[in-house]
N, C-alpha and C. Protein backbone atom coordinates (compact mmCIF):
# COMPACT_ATOMS: atom_id res chain seq x y z
N ALA A 1 -120.86 -34.13 -45.31
CA ALA A 1 -119.72 -33.55 -45.79
C ALA A 1 -119.22 -32.66 -44.71
N LYS A 2 -120.19 -31.89 -43.82
CA LYS A 2 -119.78 -31.53 -42.96
C LYS A 2 -119.14 -31.68 -41.51
N ARG A 3 -119.65 -33.05 -41.50
CA ARG A 3 -119.36 -34.28 -40.18
C ARG A 3 -118.15 -34.47 -40.12
N GLN A 4 -117.70 -34.62 -41.66
CA GLN A 4 -116.53 -35.25 -42.54
C GLN A 4 -115.46 -34.31 -42.06
N LYS A 5 -115.77 -32.87 -42.50
CA LYS A 5 -114.84 -31.91 -42.22
C LYS A 5 -114.30 -31.53 -40.76
N ASN A 6 -115.27 -31.89 -40.21
CA ASN A 6 -115.02 -31.46 -38.60
C ASN A 6 -113.99 -32.70 -38.01
N ALA A 7 -114.31 -33.88 -38.35
CA ALA A 7 -113.50 -35.07 -38.12
C ALA A 7 -112.04 -35.29 -38.36
N ALA A 8 -111.89 -34.36 -39.96
CA ALA A 8 -110.41 -34.20 -39.91
C ALA A 8 -109.91 -33.19 -39.64
N ASP A 9 -110.94 -32.28 -39.22
CA ASP A 9 -110.08 -31.11 -38.29
C ASP A 9 -109.60 -31.24 -37.07
N THR A 10 -110.27 -31.92 -36.44
CA THR A 10 -109.92 -33.05 -35.20
C THR A 10 -108.80 -33.45 -34.83
N GLU A 11 -108.31 -34.57 -36.19
CA GLU A 11 -107.66 -35.03 -36.67
C GLU A 11 -106.23 -34.54 -37.07
N ALA A 12 -106.21 -33.61 -37.43
CA ALA A 12 -105.02 -32.35 -37.84
C ALA A 12 -104.54 -31.82 -36.71
N SER A 13 -105.84 -31.59 -35.35
CA SER A 13 -105.01 -30.90 -34.64
C SER A 13 -104.41 -31.65 -33.32
N LYS A 14 -104.84 -33.24 -33.38
CA LYS A 14 -104.14 -33.75 -32.78
C LYS A 14 -102.53 -33.91 -32.90
N GLU A 15 -102.43 -33.71 -34.18
CA GLU A 15 -100.74 -33.85 -34.84
C GLU A 15 -99.88 -32.97 -33.92
N PRO A 16 -98.54 -33.43 -33.47
CA PRO A 16 -97.79 -32.50 -32.54
C PRO A 16 -97.34 -31.34 -33.76
N PRO A 17 -96.94 -30.26 -33.11
CA PRO A 17 -96.72 -29.33 -33.77
C PRO A 17 -94.64 -29.63 -34.17
N VAL A 18 -94.85 -28.77 -34.93
CA VAL A 18 -93.30 -29.06 -36.13
C VAL A 18 -92.75 -27.93 -35.30
N ARG A 19 -91.57 -28.35 -34.45
CA ARG A 19 -90.83 -27.74 -33.87
C ARG A 19 -89.00 -27.68 -34.25
N LEU A 20 -88.59 -26.64 -34.26
CA LEU A 20 -87.50 -26.26 -35.16
C LEU A 20 -86.30 -27.15 -33.83
N ARG A 21 -85.40 -28.28 -34.49
CA ARG A 21 -84.28 -28.96 -33.43
C ARG A 21 -83.21 -28.29 -33.53
N VAL A 22 -82.79 -27.84 -32.61
CA VAL A 22 -81.30 -27.36 -32.11
C VAL A 22 -80.17 -28.11 -31.76
N PRO A 23 -79.02 -28.20 -32.27
CA PRO A 23 -77.99 -29.11 -31.51
C PRO A 23 -77.39 -27.98 -30.88
N MET A 24 -77.26 -29.07 -29.92
CA MET A 24 -76.43 -28.49 -28.45
C MET A 24 -75.20 -27.68 -28.80
N ILE A 25 -74.66 -28.26 -29.85
CA ILE A 25 -73.00 -27.36 -29.45
C ILE A 25 -73.52 -26.13 -30.46
N LYS A 26 -74.86 -25.66 -30.95
CA LYS A 26 -74.70 -24.49 -31.17
C LYS A 26 -75.17 -23.42 -30.13
N CYS A 27 -75.62 -23.88 -28.83
CA CYS A 27 -75.99 -23.52 -28.04
C CYS A 27 -74.47 -23.05 -27.52
N PHE A 28 -73.64 -24.41 -27.27
CA PHE A 28 -71.97 -23.56 -26.78
C PHE A 28 -71.27 -22.54 -27.73
N GLU A 29 -71.20 -22.50 -29.28
CA GLU A 29 -70.70 -21.94 -29.48
C GLU A 29 -71.48 -20.25 -29.72
N ALA A 30 -72.78 -20.72 -29.40
CA ALA A 30 -73.48 -19.00 -29.36
C ALA A 30 -72.50 -18.18 -27.99
N MET A 31 -72.56 -19.29 -26.47
CA MET A 31 -72.43 -18.81 -25.51
C MET A 31 -70.69 -18.40 -25.15
N GLY A 32 -69.66 -19.07 -26.59
CA GLY A 32 -68.62 -19.16 -26.44
C GLY A 32 -68.30 -17.28 -27.60
N ALA A 33 -69.54 -16.90 -28.27
CA ALA A 33 -68.80 -15.94 -29.57
C ALA A 33 -68.96 -15.13 -28.53
N GLU A 34 -68.12 -13.85 -29.07
CA GLU A 34 -67.59 -12.44 -28.91
C GLU A 34 -68.82 -11.73 -29.08
N SER A 35 -69.07 -10.94 -27.60
CA SER A 35 -70.43 -9.77 -27.60
C SER A 35 -70.01 -8.79 -27.55
N VAL A 36 -70.56 -7.64 -27.80
CA VAL A 36 -70.23 -6.58 -27.49
C VAL A 36 -71.56 -5.20 -26.71
N ILE A 37 -70.71 -4.91 -25.81
CA ILE A 37 -71.15 -4.29 -24.70
C ILE A 37 -70.86 -2.76 -25.11
N ASP A 38 -72.63 -2.43 -25.31
CA ASP A 38 -72.60 -0.68 -25.70
C ASP A 38 -73.06 -0.30 -24.85
N GLY A 39 -72.58 1.08 -24.09
CA GLY A 39 -72.70 1.82 -22.98
C GLY A 39 -71.94 1.45 -22.03
N TYR A 40 -70.84 0.46 -22.26
CA TYR A 40 -69.81 0.42 -20.92
C TYR A 40 -69.33 1.67 -20.40
N LYS A 41 -69.39 1.32 -19.32
CA LYS A 41 -68.22 2.55 -18.51
C LYS A 41 -66.86 2.27 -17.88
N SER A 42 -66.21 2.71 -18.60
CA SER A 42 -64.60 2.05 -18.04
C SER A 42 -64.15 2.51 -16.84
N PRO A 43 -64.10 1.37 -15.97
CA PRO A 43 -63.23 1.83 -14.45
C PRO A 43 -62.51 2.74 -14.20
N VAL A 44 -61.58 2.84 -16.16
CA VAL A 44 -60.12 2.90 -15.49
C VAL A 44 -60.52 4.64 -15.83
N THR A 45 -60.83 4.85 -17.17
CA THR A 45 -61.59 6.32 -17.57
C THR A 45 -62.81 7.34 -16.94
N GLY A 46 -63.70 6.32 -17.09
CA GLY A 46 -64.79 6.69 -16.73
C GLY A 46 -65.68 6.63 -17.42
N GLN A 47 -65.45 6.79 -18.75
CA GLN A 47 -65.83 6.84 -20.24
C GLN A 47 -66.99 6.01 -20.57
N LEU A 48 -67.94 6.26 -21.31
CA LEU A 48 -68.97 5.49 -21.80
C LEU A 48 -68.22 5.17 -22.86
N GLY A 49 -68.56 4.04 -23.48
CA GLY A 49 -68.44 3.22 -24.54
C GLY A 49 -68.31 2.18 -25.05
N LEU A 50 -67.93 1.15 -26.28
CA LEU A 50 -68.20 -0.41 -26.49
C LEU A 50 -66.94 -1.17 -25.57
N ALA A 51 -67.68 -2.00 -25.53
CA ALA A 51 -66.47 -3.43 -24.74
C ALA A 51 -66.87 -4.38 -25.51
N SER A 52 -65.52 -5.48 -25.46
CA SER A 52 -65.75 -6.67 -25.94
C SER A 52 -65.99 -7.87 -24.97
N GLN A 53 -66.75 -8.61 -24.85
CA GLN A 53 -66.51 -9.81 -24.20
C GLN A 53 -66.25 -11.43 -24.60
N THR A 54 -65.66 -12.31 -24.66
CA THR A 54 -65.73 -13.21 -24.62
C THR A 54 -65.59 -14.66 -23.47
N ARG A 55 -66.29 -15.40 -23.64
CA ARG A 55 -66.39 -16.04 -22.61
C ARG A 55 -65.32 -17.67 -22.95
N ARG A 56 -64.60 -18.15 -22.07
CA ARG A 56 -64.17 -19.31 -22.03
C ARG A 56 -64.13 -20.15 -20.88
N LEU A 57 -63.63 -21.07 -20.60
CA LEU A 57 -63.53 -22.09 -20.00
C LEU A 57 -61.92 -22.18 -19.01
N ALA A 58 -62.07 -21.86 -17.66
CA ALA A 58 -60.61 -22.35 -17.72
C ALA A 58 -60.14 -23.41 -17.31
N SER A 59 -60.99 -24.35 -16.96
CA SER A 59 -60.37 -26.15 -16.67
C SER A 59 -61.92 -26.47 -17.00
N PHE A 60 -61.81 -28.06 -17.31
CA PHE A 60 -63.20 -28.92 -17.61
C PHE A 60 -63.22 -29.76 -16.56
N PRO A 61 -64.41 -29.46 -15.76
CA PRO A 61 -64.46 -30.73 -15.00
C PRO A 61 -65.12 -32.38 -15.98
N LYS A 62 -65.15 -33.14 -14.95
CA LYS A 62 -65.62 -34.24 -14.92
C LYS A 62 -66.67 -34.37 -16.10
N TYR A 63 -67.55 -33.65 -15.29
CA TYR A 63 -69.12 -33.83 -15.71
C TYR A 63 -69.67 -32.29 -15.87
N LEU A 64 -70.57 -31.61 -16.64
CA LEU A 64 -70.49 -30.71 -16.81
C LEU A 64 -72.14 -30.18 -16.63
N LEU A 65 -72.87 -29.80 -15.63
CA LEU A 65 -74.33 -29.53 -15.90
C LEU A 65 -74.44 -28.23 -16.53
N CYS A 66 -75.42 -28.24 -17.05
CA CYS A 66 -75.93 -27.32 -18.06
C CYS A 66 -77.36 -27.02 -17.98
N HIS A 67 -77.76 -25.51 -17.53
CA HIS A 67 -79.13 -25.20 -17.46
C HIS A 67 -79.41 -24.81 -18.70
N ILE A 68 -80.33 -25.27 -19.56
CA ILE A 68 -81.10 -24.86 -20.64
C ILE A 68 -82.14 -23.87 -20.63
N ARG A 69 -81.64 -22.75 -21.13
CA ARG A 69 -82.85 -21.64 -20.77
C ARG A 69 -83.68 -21.38 -21.74
N ARG A 70 -84.93 -21.69 -21.92
CA ARG A 70 -85.57 -21.44 -23.51
C ARG A 70 -86.40 -20.14 -23.17
N TYR A 71 -85.99 -18.94 -22.43
CA TYR A 71 -86.81 -17.85 -22.82
C TYR A 71 -85.61 -17.09 -23.31
N VAL A 72 -86.27 -15.78 -23.71
CA VAL A 72 -85.13 -14.53 -24.38
C VAL A 72 -86.27 -13.48 -24.34
N LEU A 73 -85.78 -12.30 -24.27
CA LEU A 73 -86.68 -11.15 -24.13
C LEU A 73 -87.00 -10.24 -25.32
N ALA A 74 -88.48 -10.64 -25.47
CA ALA A 74 -88.74 -9.54 -26.74
C ALA A 74 -88.71 -8.08 -26.41
N GLU A 75 -88.54 -7.32 -27.76
CA GLU A 75 -88.19 -6.41 -27.74
C GLU A 75 -88.79 -5.38 -27.28
N ASP A 76 -90.08 -5.50 -26.57
CA ASP A 76 -90.90 -5.36 -25.84
C ASP A 76 -90.52 -5.31 -24.33
N TRP A 77 -89.25 -6.26 -23.74
CA TRP A 77 -88.72 -6.27 -22.90
C TRP A 77 -89.94 -7.78 -21.63
N THR A 78 -90.50 -8.31 -22.61
CA THR A 78 -91.44 -9.31 -22.27
C THR A 78 -90.65 -10.62 -22.49
N PRO A 79 -90.94 -11.80 -21.92
CA PRO A 79 -90.27 -13.01 -21.36
C PRO A 79 -90.95 -13.72 -22.63
N LYS A 80 -90.19 -14.34 -23.54
CA LYS A 80 -90.92 -15.50 -24.36
C LYS A 80 -90.33 -16.51 -24.33
N LYS A 81 -90.86 -17.87 -24.43
CA LYS A 81 -90.62 -19.16 -24.30
C LYS A 81 -90.40 -19.29 -25.47
N LEU A 82 -88.94 -19.76 -26.07
CA LEU A 82 -88.79 -20.46 -27.46
C LEU A 82 -89.29 -22.24 -27.20
N ASP A 83 -90.00 -22.08 -28.54
CA ASP A 83 -90.60 -23.53 -28.83
C ASP A 83 -89.72 -24.50 -29.58
N VAL A 84 -88.65 -25.01 -28.81
CA VAL A 84 -87.53 -25.71 -29.55
C VAL A 84 -87.24 -27.11 -28.76
N LEU A 85 -86.55 -27.81 -30.13
CA LEU A 85 -86.49 -29.46 -29.23
C LEU A 85 -84.91 -28.99 -29.48
N LEU A 86 -84.01 -29.56 -28.30
CA LEU A 86 -82.46 -29.17 -28.23
C LEU A 86 -82.06 -30.82 -28.17
N SER A 87 -81.28 -31.29 -29.23
CA SER A 87 -80.75 -32.17 -29.53
C SER A 87 -79.42 -32.53 -28.59
N ALA A 88 -79.18 -33.20 -27.94
CA ALA A 88 -77.68 -33.51 -26.99
C ALA A 88 -77.23 -34.72 -27.82
N PRO A 89 -76.04 -34.69 -28.07
CA PRO A 89 -75.03 -35.81 -28.29
C PRO A 89 -74.81 -36.71 -26.77
N ASP A 90 -74.24 -37.73 -27.22
CA ASP A 90 -73.90 -38.36 -26.04
C ASP A 90 -72.43 -37.91 -25.00
N SER A 91 -71.52 -37.43 -25.99
CA SER A 91 -70.45 -36.68 -25.84
C SER A 91 -70.39 -35.48 -26.65
N ILE A 92 -69.62 -34.41 -26.55
CA ILE A 92 -69.16 -33.20 -27.04
C ILE A 92 -68.29 -32.33 -26.89
N ASP A 93 -67.28 -32.39 -27.91
CA ASP A 93 -66.15 -31.53 -28.11
C ASP A 93 -65.77 -29.97 -27.85
N LEU A 94 -65.93 -29.50 -26.41
CA LEU A 94 -65.84 -28.61 -26.26
C LEU A 94 -64.47 -27.66 -25.93
N GLU A 95 -63.71 -28.36 -26.65
CA GLU A 95 -62.12 -27.64 -26.59
C GLU A 95 -61.84 -26.67 -27.16
N PHE A 96 -62.67 -25.94 -28.12
CA PHE A 96 -62.82 -24.62 -28.68
C PHE A 96 -62.92 -23.41 -27.56
N LEU A 97 -63.40 -24.05 -26.70
CA LEU A 97 -64.14 -22.78 -25.26
C LEU A 97 -62.63 -22.85 -24.45
N ARG A 98 -61.81 -23.72 -25.05
CA ARG A 98 -60.83 -23.61 -23.55
C ARG A 98 -59.69 -22.30 -23.13
N GLY A 99 -59.87 -21.89 -22.25
CA GLY A 99 -59.16 -20.53 -22.59
C GLY A 99 -57.47 -20.23 -22.55
N ALA A 100 -57.13 -19.63 -23.19
CA ALA A 100 -55.63 -19.80 -23.07
C ALA A 100 -55.35 -18.37 -22.78
N GLY A 101 -55.37 -17.67 -21.93
CA GLY A 101 -54.98 -16.46 -21.38
C GLY A 101 -55.49 -15.13 -22.17
N PRO A 102 -54.89 -13.95 -21.90
CA PRO A 102 -54.74 -12.89 -22.44
C PRO A 102 -54.54 -13.04 -24.32
N GLN A 103 -54.96 -12.96 -24.87
CA GLN A 103 -55.01 -12.78 -26.46
C GLN A 103 -54.15 -11.70 -27.27
N PRO A 104 -53.67 -12.00 -27.85
CA PRO A 104 -53.23 -10.69 -28.66
C PRO A 104 -54.15 -9.61 -29.15
N GLY A 105 -53.52 -7.87 -28.89
CA GLY A 105 -54.58 -6.95 -29.04
C GLY A 105 -55.96 -6.82 -28.18
N GLU A 106 -55.49 -7.43 -26.85
CA GLU A 106 -56.81 -7.38 -25.59
C GLU A 106 -56.00 -6.45 -24.99
N GLU A 107 -56.71 -5.70 -24.10
CA GLU A 107 -56.58 -4.96 -22.81
C GLU A 107 -57.11 -5.34 -22.05
N LEU A 108 -56.51 -5.73 -20.68
CA LEU A 108 -57.38 -6.04 -19.38
C LEU A 108 -57.39 -5.03 -18.47
N LEU A 109 -58.47 -5.23 -17.61
CA LEU A 109 -58.66 -3.79 -16.94
C LEU A 109 -57.87 -4.60 -15.50
N PRO A 110 -57.39 -3.34 -14.84
CA PRO A 110 -56.72 -3.35 -13.67
C PRO A 110 -57.44 -3.79 -12.74
N ASP A 111 -56.95 -4.94 -11.93
CA ASP A 111 -57.57 -5.51 -10.52
C ASP A 111 -58.13 -4.63 -9.80
N ASP A 112 -57.21 -3.83 -9.72
CA ASP A 112 -57.66 -2.57 -8.50
C ASP A 112 -58.35 -1.46 -8.94
N ALA A 113 -59.33 -1.72 -10.23
CA ALA A 113 -59.84 -0.21 -10.63
C ALA A 113 -60.61 0.47 -9.62
N PRO A 114 -60.59 1.73 -9.84
CA PRO A 114 -61.59 2.73 -8.15
C PRO A 114 -62.60 2.50 -8.56
């Protein structure tokens, strides 16, 4: 019985681990989502405060090369590798990332801020 149990354990350990599957579009959605910067020092007023940032693309190249980063910073500031599978389609619509210039309610910083 002990010998059979060891054989069963060996078989189970040969199975590949179950990994989370992440669609590539979710990565682009996260990249284009608004993020808040806490402790931002305004170049105009010199005061610390909150600022928001949104990433958009000014133009679309024929081919888009992406560097997939699977590392995140843990709460203790150590790098941790994400053990996930990224599923990438043959084509993807990124039109939602197209920039359209300043949006209503946005305040742009001056180019020549001190």
